[in-house]
């Protein structure tokens, strides 16, 4: 796990938020979390959606929202989107406080500039990561290795080490454990191969019959 992932783990965030709440005499009454979710868009983030709905309903039983840092709203490529969600909370009378930022979110010019910079940095980090991951996947695929996705019928995934030595076949739902390991595709069982040949033969025969019928 990278330091970036460790820093933003749900447990670490909750620990920092709890410490901030205690230091500022605040009581945490509810937690909204989106563990393992993409921060590029609000779709698929039930925690954030529920938070915004509760705040806008006017029935929220809290007047502060404690957020680990500015990027936790999301790494939206349109940096105004995270600002919009914070604005909705503020307009509803709920104060947003950031627990791990060096500035105080007090509505001053300085805090506004700092948040804008943080939002831009979050968006750029996500964009750069996407480019690097895509380039890495392309390189791995160009070397003849499998990059994710389920395999088709009649194929199996063989895990090999960095020296190309086989380490065993991966069953459905299994994944390689070491980053240095790679996955190659191999032919499946003889039974699966026989089924595929049978399907191909039947398909070829049907096409021949159709062609003959059309000629007649």
C-alpha atoms as a PDB file:
ATOM      1  CA  UNK A   1       0.000   0.000   0.000  1.00  0.00           C
ATOM      2  CA  UNK A   2       1.433   3.372  -0.972  1.00  0.00           C
ATOM      3  CA  UNK A   3       1.894   6.205   1.503  1.00  0.00           C
ATOM      4  CA  UNK A   4      -0.814   8.115  -0.364  1.00  0.00           C
ATOM      5  CA  UNK A   5      -3.303   5.277   0.165  1.00  0.00           C
ATOM      6  CA  UNK A   6      -2.269   4.871   3.801  1.00  0.00           C
ATOM      7  CA  UNK A   7      -2.762   8.563   4.407  1.00  0.00           C
ATOM      8  CA  UNK A   8      -6.276   8.535   3.003  1.00  0.00           C
ATOM      9  CA  UNK A   9      -7.489   5.249   4.474  1.00  0.00           C
ATOM     10  CA  UNK A  10     -10.894   5.561   6.135  1.00  0.00           C
ATOM     11  CA  UNK A  11      -9.464   4.503   9.503  1.00  0.00           C
ATOM     12  CA  UNK A  12      -6.717   7.127   9.427  1.00  0.00           C
ATOM     13  CA  UNK A  13      -9.153   9.839   8.417  1.00  0.00           C
ATOM     14  CA  UNK A  14     -11.584   8.919  11.188  1.00  0.00           C
ATOM     15  CA  UNK A  15      -8.770   8.977  13.752  1.00  0.00           C
ATOM     16  CA  UNK A  16      -7.685  12.465  12.667  1.00  0.00           C
ATOM     17  CA  UNK A  17     -11.268  13.732  12.597  1.00  0.00           C
ATOM     18  CA  UNK A  18     -11.984  12.323  16.067  1.00  0.00           C
ATOM     19  CA  UNK A  19      -8.876  14.042  17.454  1.00  0.00           C
ATOM     20  CA  UNK A  20      -9.924  17.338  15.843  1.00  0.00           C
ATOM     21  CA  UNK A  21     -13.436  17.038  17.274  1.00  0.00           C
ATOM     22  CA  UNK A  22     -12.121  16.396  20.771  1.00  0.00           C
ATOM     23  CA  UNK A  23      -9.683  19.311  20.571  1.00  0.00           C
ATOM     24  CA  UNK A  24     -12.496  21.647  19.502  1.00  0.00           C
ATOM     25  CA  UNK A  25     -15.171  20.351  21.923  1.00  0.00           C
ATOM     26  CA  UNK A  26     -17.299  18.891  19.124  1.00  0.00           C
ATOM     27  CA  UNK A  27     -19.309  15.660  19.280  1.00  0.00           C
ATOM     28  CA  UNK A  28     -19.452  13.388  16.241  1.00  0.00           C
ATOM     29  CA  UNK A  29     -23.057  12.249  15.762  1.00  0.00           C
ATOM     30  CA  UNK A  30     -22.863  10.718  12.298  1.00  0.00           C
ATOM     31  CA  UNK A  31     -20.282   9.533   9.785  1.00  0.00           C
ATOM     32  CA  UNK A  32     -20.627   9.690   6.011  1.00  0.00           C
ATOM     33  CA  UNK A  33     -18.021   7.604   4.210  1.00  0.00           C
ATOM     34  CA  UNK A  34     -17.401   6.296   0.700  1.00  0.00           C
ATOM     35  CA  UNK A  35     -14.798   3.581   1.170  1.00  0.00           C
ATOM     36  CA  UNK A  36     -13.159   2.271  -1.971  1.00  0.00           C
ATOM     37  CA  UNK A  37     -15.068   4.660  -4.253  1.00  0.00           C
ATOM     38  CA  UNK A  38     -13.761   6.791  -7.087  1.00  0.00           C
ATOM     39  CA  UNK A  39     -13.552  10.474  -6.285  1.00  0.00           C
ATOM     40  CA  UNK A  40     -13.815  11.583  -9.904  1.00  0.00           C
ATOM     41  CA  UNK A  41     -17.596  11.955  -9.850  1.00  0.00           C
ATOM     42  CA  UNK A  42     -20.400  12.031  -7.305  1.00  0.00           C
ATOM     43  CA  UNK A  43     -22.222   9.135  -8.986  1.00  0.00           C
ATOM     44  CA  UNK A  44     -21.561   5.954  -7.035  1.00  0.00           C
ATOM     45  CA  UNK A  45     -20.763   7.809  -3.807  1.00  0.00           C
ATOM     46  CA  UNK A  46     -23.770   7.163  -1.540  1.00  0.00           C
ATOM     47  CA  UNK A  47     -22.077   8.714   1.484  1.00  0.00           C
ATOM     48  CA  UNK A  48     -21.568  12.110  -0.128  1.00  0.00           C
ATOM     49  CA  UNK A  49     -24.990  12.007  -1.771  1.00  0.00           C
ATOM     50  CA  UNK A  50     -26.651  11.244   1.576  1.00  0.00           C
ATOM     51  CA  UNK A  51     -24.720  14.054   3.273  1.00  0.00           C
ATOM     52  CA  UNK A  52     -25.849  16.645   0.720  1.00  0.00           C
ATOM     53  CA  UNK A  53     -29.443  15.400   0.891  1.00  0.00           C
ATOM     54  CA  UNK A  54     -29.494  15.565   4.702  1.00  0.00           C
ATOM     55  CA  UNK A  55     -28.045  19.073   4.721  1.00  0.00           C
ATOM     56  CA  UNK A  56     -30.443  20.393   2.085  1.00  0.00           C
ATOM     57  CA  UNK A  57     -33.470  18.816   3.754  1.00  0.00           C
ATOM     58  CA  UNK A  58     -33.097  21.175   6.702  1.00  0.00           C
ATOM     59  CA  UNK A  59     -33.506  18.229   9.084  1.00  0.00           C
ATOM     60  CA  UNK A  60     -29.810  17.627   9.775  1.00  0.00           C
ATOM     61  CA  UNK A  61     -29.076  17.256  13.501  1.00  0.00           C
ATOM     62  CA  UNK A  62     -25.606  18.790  13.211  1.00  0.00           C
ATOM     63  CA  UNK A  63     -24.181  22.238  12.493  1.00  0.00           C
ATOM     64  CA  UNK A  64     -20.597  21.297  11.610  1.00  0.00           C
ATOM     65  CA  UNK A  65     -19.128  18.974   8.988  1.00  0.00           C
ATOM     66  CA  UNK A  66     -15.623  17.750   9.723  1.00  0.00           C
ATOM     67  CA  UNK A  67     -13.686  16.838   6.575  1.00  0.00           C
ATOM     68  CA  UNK A  68     -10.156  15.432   6.597  1.00  0.00           C
ATOM     69  CA  UNK A  69      -8.931  17.778   3.866  1.00  0.00           C
ATOM     70  CA  UNK A  70     -10.170  19.643   0.790  1.00  0.00           C
ATOM     71  CA  UNK A  71      -9.564  16.719  -1.570  1.00  0.00           C
ATOM     72  CA  UNK A  72     -12.025  14.503   0.324  1.00  0.00           C
ATOM     73  CA  UNK A  73     -14.983  16.099  -1.451  1.00  0.00           C
ATOM     74  CA  UNK A  74     -13.571  14.511  -4.573  1.00  0.00           C
ATOM     75  CA  UNK A  75     -10.837  14.843  -7.148  1.00  0.00           C
ATOM     76  CA  UNK A  76     -13.283  16.271  -9.670  1.00  0.00           C
ATOM     77  CA  UNK A  77     -11.738  17.379 -12.954  1.00  0.00           C
ATOM     78  CA  UNK A  78     -13.999  20.430 -12.769  1.00  0.00           C
ATOM     79  CA  UNK A  79     -12.654  21.970  -9.570  1.00  0.00           C
ATOM     80  CA  UNK A  80     -15.804  24.058  -9.114  1.00  0.00           C
ATOM     81  CA  UNK A  81     -17.789  20.907  -8.316  1.00  0.00           C
ATOM     82  CA  UNK A  82     -16.280  20.351  -4.867  1.00  0.00           C
ATOM     83  CA  UNK A  83     -16.662  24.075  -4.157  1.00  0.00           C
ATOM     84  CA  UNK A  84     -20.340  23.756  -5.071  1.00  0.00           C
ATOM     85  CA  UNK A  85     -20.960  20.971  -2.551  1.00  0.00           C
ATOM     86  CA  UNK A  86     -19.245  22.955   0.185  1.00  0.00           C
ATOM     87  CA  UNK A  87     -21.355  25.981  -0.751  1.00  0.00           C
ATOM     88  CA  UNK A  88     -24.573  23.931  -0.422  1.00  0.00           C
ATOM     89  CA  UNK A  89     -23.595  23.021   3.131  1.00  0.00           C
ATOM     90  CA  UNK A  90     -22.677  26.598   4.039  1.00  0.00           C
ATOM     91  CA  UNK A  91     -25.903  27.955   2.528  1.00  0.00           C
ATOM     92  CA  UNK A  92     -27.862  25.539   4.727  1.00  0.00           C
ATOM     93  CA  UNK A  93     -26.163  26.880   7.851  1.00  0.00           C
ATOM     94  CA  UNK A  94     -23.685  24.025   8.302  1.00  0.00           C
ATOM     95  CA  UNK A  95     -20.052  25.007   8.863  1.00  0.00           C
ATOM     96  CA  UNK A  96     -17.389  22.967   7.045  1.00  0.00           C
ATOM     97  CA  UNK A  97     -14.104  22.487   8.881  1.00  0.00           C
ATOM     98  CA  UNK A  98     -10.966  20.800   7.560  1.00  0.00           C
ATOM     99  CA  UNK A  99      -9.059  18.741  10.095  1.00  0.00           C
ATOM    100  CA  UNK A 100      -5.723  18.255   8.326  1.00  0.00           C
ATOM    101  CA  UNK A 101      -5.311  21.583   6.546  1.00  0.00           C
ATOM    102  CA  UNK A 102      -2.945  24.279   7.814  1.00  0.00           C
ATOM    103  CA  UNK A 103      -5.451  27.059   7.173  1.00  0.00           C
ATOM    104  CA  UNK A 104      -8.738  27.806   8.909  1.00  0.00           C
ATOM    105  CA  UNK A 105     -11.831  27.619   6.719  1.00  0.00           C
ATOM    106  CA  UNK A 106     -13.148  30.991   7.852  1.00  0.00           C
ATOM    107  CA  UNK A 107     -14.322  32.483   4.562  1.00  0.00           C
ATOM    108  CA  UNK A 108     -11.375  34.859   4.256  1.00  0.00           C
ATOM    109  CA  UNK A 109      -9.554  35.657   1.019  1.00  0.00           C
ATOM    110  CA  UNK A 110      -6.581  33.549   2.120  1.00  0.00           C
ATOM    111  CA  UNK A 111      -8.685  30.460   2.853  1.00  0.00           C
ATOM    112  CA  UNK A 112     -10.480  30.850  -0.486  1.00  0.00           C
ATOM    113  CA  UNK A 113      -7.179  30.937  -2.383  1.00  0.00           C
ATOM    114  CA  UNK A 114      -5.854  27.966  -0.403  1.00  0.00           C
ATOM    115  CA  UNK A 115      -8.943  25.875  -1.144  1.00  0.00           C
ATOM    116  CA  UNK A 116      -8.812  26.722  -4.850  1.00  0.00           C
ATOM    117  CA  UNK A 117      -5.180  25.604  -4.995  1.00  0.00           C
ATOM    118  CA  UNK A 118      -5.966  22.395  -3.111  1.00  0.00           C
ATOM    119  CA  UNK A 119      -8.858  21.576  -5.439  1.00  0.00           C
ATOM    120  CA  UNK A 120      -6.668  22.121  -8.477  1.00  0.00           C
ATOM    121  CA  UNK A 121      -3.915  19.956  -7.001  1.00  0.00           C
ATOM    122  CA  UNK A 122      -6.402  17.164  -6.249  1.00  0.00           C
ATOM    123  CA  UNK A 123      -7.752  17.218  -9.807  1.00  0.00           C
ATOM    124  CA  UNK A 124      -4.252  17.244 -11.318  1.00  0.00           C
ATOM    125  CA  UNK A 125      -3.087  14.387  -9.076  1.00  0.00           C
ATOM    126  CA  UNK A 126      -5.975  12.254 -10.310  1.00  0.00           C
ATOM    127  CA  UNK A 127      -5.347  13.178 -13.954  1.00  0.00           C
ATOM    128  CA  UNK A 128      -1.632  12.373 -13.731  1.00  0.00           C
ATOM    129  CA  UNK A 129      -2.323   9.090 -11.967  1.00  0.00           C
ATOM    130  CA  UNK A 130      -4.787   8.088 -14.692  1.00  0.00           C
ATOM    131  CA  UNK A 131      -2.194   8.804 -17.397  1.00  0.00           C
ATOM    132  CA  UNK A 132       0.506   6.832 -15.565  1.00  0.00           C
ATOM    133  CA  UNK A 133      -1.774   3.847 -14.918  1.00  0.00           C
ATOM    134  CA  UNK A 134      -2.898   3.753 -18.556  1.00  0.00           C
ATOM    135  CA  UNK A 135       0.698   3.918 -19.791  1.00  0.00           C
ATOM    136  CA  UNK A 136       1.690   1.155 -17.384  1.00  0.00           C
ATOM    137  CA  UNK A 137      -1.152  -1.088 -18.518  1.00  0.00           C
ATOM    138  CA  UNK A 138      -0.264  -0.523 -22.173  1.00  0.00           C
ATOM    139  CA  UNK A 139       3.356  -1.466 -21.518  1.00  0.00           C
ATOM    140  CA  UNK A 140       2.407  -4.624 -19.612  1.00  0.00           C
ATOM    141  CA  UNK A 141      -0.007  -5.660 -22.378  1.00  0.00           C
ATOM    142  CA  UNK A 142       2.649  -5.017 -25.057  1.00  0.00           C
ATOM    143  CA  UNK A 143       4.880  -7.547 -23.291  1.00  0.00           C
ATOM    144  CA  UNK A 144       2.210 -10.207 -23.694  1.00  0.00           C
ATOM    145  CA  UNK A 145       0.765 -10.140 -20.188  1.00  0.00           C
ATOM    146  CA  UNK A 146      -2.876 -10.004 -19.188  1.00  0.00           C
ATOM    147  CA  UNK A 147      -4.051  -6.734 -17.653  1.00  0.00           C
ATOM    148  CA  UNK A 148      -7.190  -7.372 -15.613  1.00  0.00           C
ATOM    149  CA  UNK A 149     -10.641  -8.316 -16.951  1.00  0.00           C
ATOM    150  CA  UNK A 150     -12.168 -11.826 -16.916  1.00  0.00           C
ATOM    151  CA  UNK A 151     -10.865 -14.312 -19.465  1.00  0.00           C
ATOM    152  CA  UNK A 152     -13.016 -15.938 -22.111  1.00  0.00           C
ATOM    153  CA  UNK A 153     -14.201 -19.525 -22.150  1.00  0.00           C
ATOM    154  CA  UNK A 154     -11.428 -21.973 -22.992  1.00  0.00           C
ATOM    155  CA  UNK A 155      -8.652 -19.852 -21.506  1.00  0.00           C
ATOM    156  CA  UNK A 156      -6.882 -19.880 -18.155  1.00  0.00           C
ATOM    157  CA  UNK A 157      -4.710 -17.371 -16.314  1.00  0.00           C
ATOM    158  CA  UNK A 158      -1.195 -18.538 -15.525  1.00  0.00           C
ATOM    159  CA  UNK A 159       0.693 -16.556 -12.906  1.00  0.00           C
ATOM    160  CA  UNK A 160       4.435 -16.199 -13.532  1.00  0.00           C
ATOM    161  CA  UNK A 161       7.187 -14.508 -11.559  1.00  0.00           C
ATOM    162  CA  UNK A 162       9.515 -11.796 -12.844  1.00  0.00           C
ATOM    163  CA  UNK A 163      11.750 -14.504 -14.368  1.00  0.00           C
ATOM    164  CA  UNK A 164       8.819 -16.041 -16.286  1.00  0.00           C
ATOM    165  CA  UNK A 165       8.730 -19.106 -14.038  1.00  0.00           C
ATOM    166  CA  UNK A 166       5.159 -20.471 -13.683  1.00  0.00           C
ATOM    167  CA  UNK A 167       3.675 -20.167 -10.194  1.00  0.00           C
ATOM    168  CA  UNK A 168       0.306 -21.766 -10.860  1.00  0.00           C
ATOM    169  CA  UNK A 169      -3.070 -21.118 -12.415  1.00  0.00           C
ATOM    170  CA  UNK A 170      -5.425 -18.562 -10.919  1.00  0.00           C
ATOM    171  CA  UNK A 171      -8.966 -19.710 -10.218  1.00  0.00           C
ATOM    172  CA  UNK A 172     -11.963 -17.459 -10.744  1.00  0.00           C
ATOM    173  CA  UNK A 173     -11.875 -14.664  -8.169  1.00  0.00           C
ATOM    174  CA  UNK A 174      -8.165 -15.114  -7.430  1.00  0.00           C
ATOM    175  CA  UNK A 175      -5.575 -12.432  -8.131  1.00  0.00           C
ATOM    176  CA  UNK A 176      -1.802 -12.220  -8.084  1.00  0.00           C
ATOM    177  CA  UNK A 177      -0.419 -11.165  -4.718  1.00  0.00           C
ATOM    178  CA  UNK A 178       2.954  -9.679  -5.697  1.00  0.00           C
ATOM    179  CA  UNK A 179       3.383  -6.595  -7.853  1.00  0.00           C
ATOM    180  CA  UNK A 180       6.331  -8.236  -9.630  1.00  0.00           C
ATOM    181  CA  UNK A 181       4.195 -11.215 -10.714  1.00  0.00           C
ATOM    182  CA  UNK A 182       2.495 -11.235 -14.109  1.00  0.00           C
ATOM    183  CA  UNK A 183      -0.375 -13.131 -15.719  1.00  0.00           C
ATOM    184  CA  UNK A 184      -0.292 -14.891 -19.081  1.00  0.00           C
ATOM    185  CA  UNK A 185      -3.168 -16.563 -20.889  1.00  0.00           C
ATOM    186  CA  UNK A 186      -3.019 -20.301 -21.537  1.00  0.00           C
ATOM    187  CA  UNK A 187      -5.323 -22.755 -23.252  1.00  0.00           C
ATOM    188  CA  UNK A 188      -7.992 -24.211 -21.009  1.00  0.00           C
ATOM    189  CA  UNK A 189      -8.881 -27.857 -20.457  1.00  0.00           C
ATOM    190  CA  UNK A 190      -9.255 -30.375 -23.294  1.00  0.00           C
ATOM    191  CA  UNK A 191     -12.980 -30.536 -22.515  1.00  0.00           C
ATOM    192  CA  UNK A 192     -13.353 -26.790 -23.052  1.00  0.00           C
ATOM    193  CA  UNK A 193     -11.338 -27.011 -26.271  1.00  0.00           C
ATOM    194  CA  UNK A 194     -13.636 -29.793 -27.520  1.00  0.00           C
ATOM    195  CA  UNK A 195     -16.715 -27.660 -26.809  1.00  0.00           C
ATOM    196  CA  UNK A 196     -15.230 -24.706 -28.707  1.00  0.00           C
ATOM    197  CA  UNK A 197     -14.363 -26.919 -31.704  1.00  0.00           C
ATOM    198  CA  UNK A 198     -17.890 -28.326 -31.669  1.00  0.00           C
ATOM    199  CA  UNK A 199     -19.394 -24.830 -31.658  1.00  0.00           C
ATOM    200  CA  UNK A 200     -17.117 -23.786 -34.518  1.00  0.00           C
ATOM    201  CA  UNK A 201     -17.971 -26.905 -36.537  1.00  0.00           C
ATOM    202  CA  UNK A 202     -21.711 -26.402 -36.060  1.00  0.00           C
ATOM    203  CA  UNK A 203     -21.397 -22.736 -36.998  1.00  0.00           C
ATOM    204  CA  UNK A 204     -19.414 -23.545 -40.147  1.00  0.00           C
ATOM    205  CA  UNK A 205     -21.915 -26.232 -41.170  1.00  0.00           C
ATOM    206  CA  UNK A 206     -24.833 -23.854 -40.680  1.00  0.00           C
ATOM    207  CA  UNK A 207     -23.131 -21.179 -42.800  1.00  0.00           C
ATOM    208  CA  UNK A 208     -22.458 -23.707 -45.575  1.00  0.00           C
ATOM    209  CA  UNK A 209     -26.104 -24.763 -45.567  1.00  0.00           C
ATOM    210  CA  UNK A 210     -27.245 -21.136 -45.742  1.00  0.00           C
ATOM    211  CA  UNK A 211     -24.902 -20.434 -48.660  1.00  0.00           C
ATOM    212  CA  UNK A 212     -26.082 -23.554 -50.512  1.00  0.00           C
ATOM    213  CA  UNK A 213     -29.733 -22.656 -49.956  1.00  0.00           C
ATOM    214  CA  UNK A 214     -29.122 -19.145 -51.299  1.00  0.00           C
ATOM    215  CA  UNK A 215     -27.415 -20.498 -54.428  1.00  0.00           C
ATOM    216  CA  UNK A 216     -30.318 -22.822 -55.136  1.00  0.00           C
END
